[in-house]
């Protein structure tokens, strides 16, 4: 019975950590496209950099929410 409880909690925490995969891929794609845009139009680099950093903040908050959920599930032990 205790083993099943551990399996549920660890499984739930593992699934919650999958939330870090999407933003990680998104950050890589966003950085690549922003650098490509800066290379093509150097005069727009400031605006692209600002938008890229703002989008990174939103993506990173999704990862942190996933980590928070994993910690909350893991603390239920």
C-alpha atoms as a PDB file:
ATOM      1  CA  UNK A   1       0.000   0.000   0.000  1.00  0.00           C
ATOM      2  CA  UNK A   2       2.846   2.407   0.837  1.00  0.00           C
ATOM      3  CA  UNK A   3       4.639   1.433  -2.379  1.00  0.00           C
ATOM      4  CA  UNK A   4       1.573   2.334  -4.449  1.00  0.00           C
ATOM      5  CA  UNK A   5       1.380   5.724  -2.727  1.00  0.00           C
ATOM      6  CA  UNK A   6       5.053   6.409  -3.561  1.00  0.00           C
ATOM      7  CA  UNK A   7       4.528   5.324  -7.164  1.00  0.00           C
ATOM      8  CA  UNK A   8       1.564   7.675  -7.593  1.00  0.00           C
ATOM      9  CA  UNK A   9       3.379  10.639  -6.091  1.00  0.00           C
ATOM     10  CA  UNK A  10       6.632  10.097  -7.981  1.00  0.00           C
ATOM     11  CA  UNK A  11       4.734   9.436 -11.208  1.00  0.00           C
ATOM     12  CA  UNK A  12       2.753  12.631 -10.771  1.00  0.00           C
ATOM     13  CA  UNK A  13       5.917  14.600 -10.014  1.00  0.00           C
ATOM     14  CA  UNK A  14       7.577  13.151 -13.103  1.00  0.00           C
ATOM     15  CA  UNK A  15       4.631  14.101 -15.281  1.00  0.00           C
ATOM     16  CA  UNK A  16       4.640  17.610 -13.789  1.00  0.00           C
ATOM     17  CA  UNK A  17       8.330  17.968 -14.694  1.00  0.00           C
ATOM     18  CA  UNK A  18       7.495  17.317 -18.343  1.00  0.00           C
ATOM     19  CA  UNK A  19       6.285  20.925 -18.204  1.00  0.00           C
ATOM     20  CA  UNK A  20       9.962  21.898 -18.455  1.00  0.00           C
ATOM     21  CA  UNK A  21      10.449  20.251 -21.849  1.00  0.00           C
ATOM     22  CA  UNK A  22       8.137  22.510 -23.857  1.00  0.00           C
ATOM     23  CA  UNK A  23       9.564  25.813 -22.645  1.00  0.00           C
ATOM     24  CA  UNK A  24      13.091  24.486 -23.114  1.00  0.00           C
ATOM     25  CA  UNK A  25      12.423  23.689 -26.753  1.00  0.00           C
ATOM     26  CA  UNK A  26      10.577  26.985 -27.172  1.00  0.00           C
ATOM     27  CA  UNK A  27      13.488  28.959 -25.754  1.00  0.00           C
ATOM     28  CA  UNK A  28      15.886  27.314 -28.163  1.00  0.00           C
ATOM     29  CA  UNK A  29      13.680  28.052 -31.153  1.00  0.00           C
ATOM     30  CA  UNK A  30      13.016  31.633 -30.008  1.00  0.00           C
ATOM     31  CA  UNK A  31      16.719  32.317 -29.502  1.00  0.00           C
ATOM     32  CA  UNK A  32      17.575  30.882 -32.919  1.00  0.00           C
ATOM     33  CA  UNK A  33      14.927  32.956 -34.689  1.00  0.00           C
ATOM     34  CA  UNK A  34      15.833  36.133 -32.793  1.00  0.00           C
ATOM     35  CA  UNK A  35      19.509  35.725 -33.689  1.00  0.00           C
ATOM     36  CA  UNK A  36      18.538  35.072 -37.288  1.00  0.00           C
ATOM     37  CA  UNK A  37      16.427  38.241 -37.294  1.00  0.00           C
ATOM     38  CA  UNK A  38      19.263  40.252 -35.734  1.00  0.00           C
ATOM     39  CA  UNK A  39      21.655  38.984 -38.380  1.00  0.00           C
ATOM     40  CA  UNK A  40      19.276  39.952 -41.190  1.00  0.00           C
ATOM     41  CA  UNK A  41      18.295  43.358 -39.784  1.00  0.00           C
ATOM     42  CA  UNK A  42      20.862  44.667 -37.281  1.00  0.00           C
ATOM     43  CA  UNK A  43      18.892  47.901 -36.815  1.00  0.00           C
ATOM     44  CA  UNK A  44      16.012  45.902 -35.283  1.00  0.00           C
ATOM     45  CA  UNK A  45      18.270  44.090 -32.815  1.00  0.00           C
ATOM     46  CA  UNK A  46      17.141  46.120 -29.795  1.00  0.00           C
ATOM     47  CA  UNK A  47      13.460  45.410 -30.327  1.00  0.00           C
ATOM     48  CA  UNK A  48      14.104  41.734 -31.080  1.00  0.00           C
ATOM     49  CA  UNK A  49      16.262  41.350 -27.980  1.00  0.00           C
ATOM     50  CA  UNK A  50      13.613  42.964 -25.763  1.00  0.00           C
ATOM     51  CA  UNK A  51      10.845  40.758 -27.124  1.00  0.00           C
ATOM     52  CA  UNK A  52      13.046  37.669 -26.853  1.00  0.00           C
ATOM     53  CA  UNK A  53      13.878  38.325 -23.191  1.00  0.00           C
ATOM     54  CA  UNK A  54      10.209  38.960 -22.397  1.00  0.00           C
ATOM     55  CA  UNK A  55       9.168  35.706 -24.058  1.00  0.00           C
ATOM     56  CA  UNK A  56      11.944  33.867 -22.176  1.00  0.00           C
ATOM     57  CA  UNK A  57      10.495  35.170 -18.911  1.00  0.00           C
ATOM     58  CA  UNK A  58       7.048  33.816 -19.792  1.00  0.00           C
ATOM     59  CA  UNK A  59       8.447  30.460 -20.872  1.00  0.00           C
ATOM     60  CA  UNK A  60      10.594  30.174 -17.766  1.00  0.00           C
ATOM     61  CA  UNK A  61       7.584  30.873 -15.554  1.00  0.00           C
ATOM     62  CA  UNK A  62       5.881  27.810 -17.070  1.00  0.00           C
ATOM     63  CA  UNK A  63       8.892  25.691 -16.137  1.00  0.00           C
ATOM     64  CA  UNK A  64       8.892  27.069 -12.604  1.00  0.00           C
ATOM     65  CA  UNK A  65       5.164  26.313 -12.243  1.00  0.00           C
ATOM     66  CA  UNK A  66       5.843  22.718 -13.299  1.00  0.00           C
ATOM     67  CA  UNK A  67       8.664  22.457 -10.775  1.00  0.00           C
ATOM     68  CA  UNK A  68       6.409  23.901  -8.074  1.00  0.00           C
ATOM     69  CA  UNK A  69       3.713  21.322  -8.828  1.00  0.00           C
ATOM     70  CA  UNK A  70       6.314  18.542  -8.702  1.00  0.00           C
ATOM     71  CA  UNK A  71       7.532  19.759  -5.298  1.00  0.00           C
ATOM     72  CA  UNK A  72       3.965  19.994  -4.013  1.00  0.00           C
ATOM     73  CA  UNK A  73       3.211  16.447  -5.158  1.00  0.00           C
ATOM     74  CA  UNK A  74       6.469  15.162  -3.723  1.00  0.00           C
ATOM     75  CA  UNK A  75       5.801  16.858  -0.376  1.00  0.00           C
ATOM     76  CA  UNK A  76       2.568  14.852  -0.006  1.00  0.00           C
ATOM     77  CA  UNK A  77       4.648  11.852   1.125  1.00  0.00           C
END
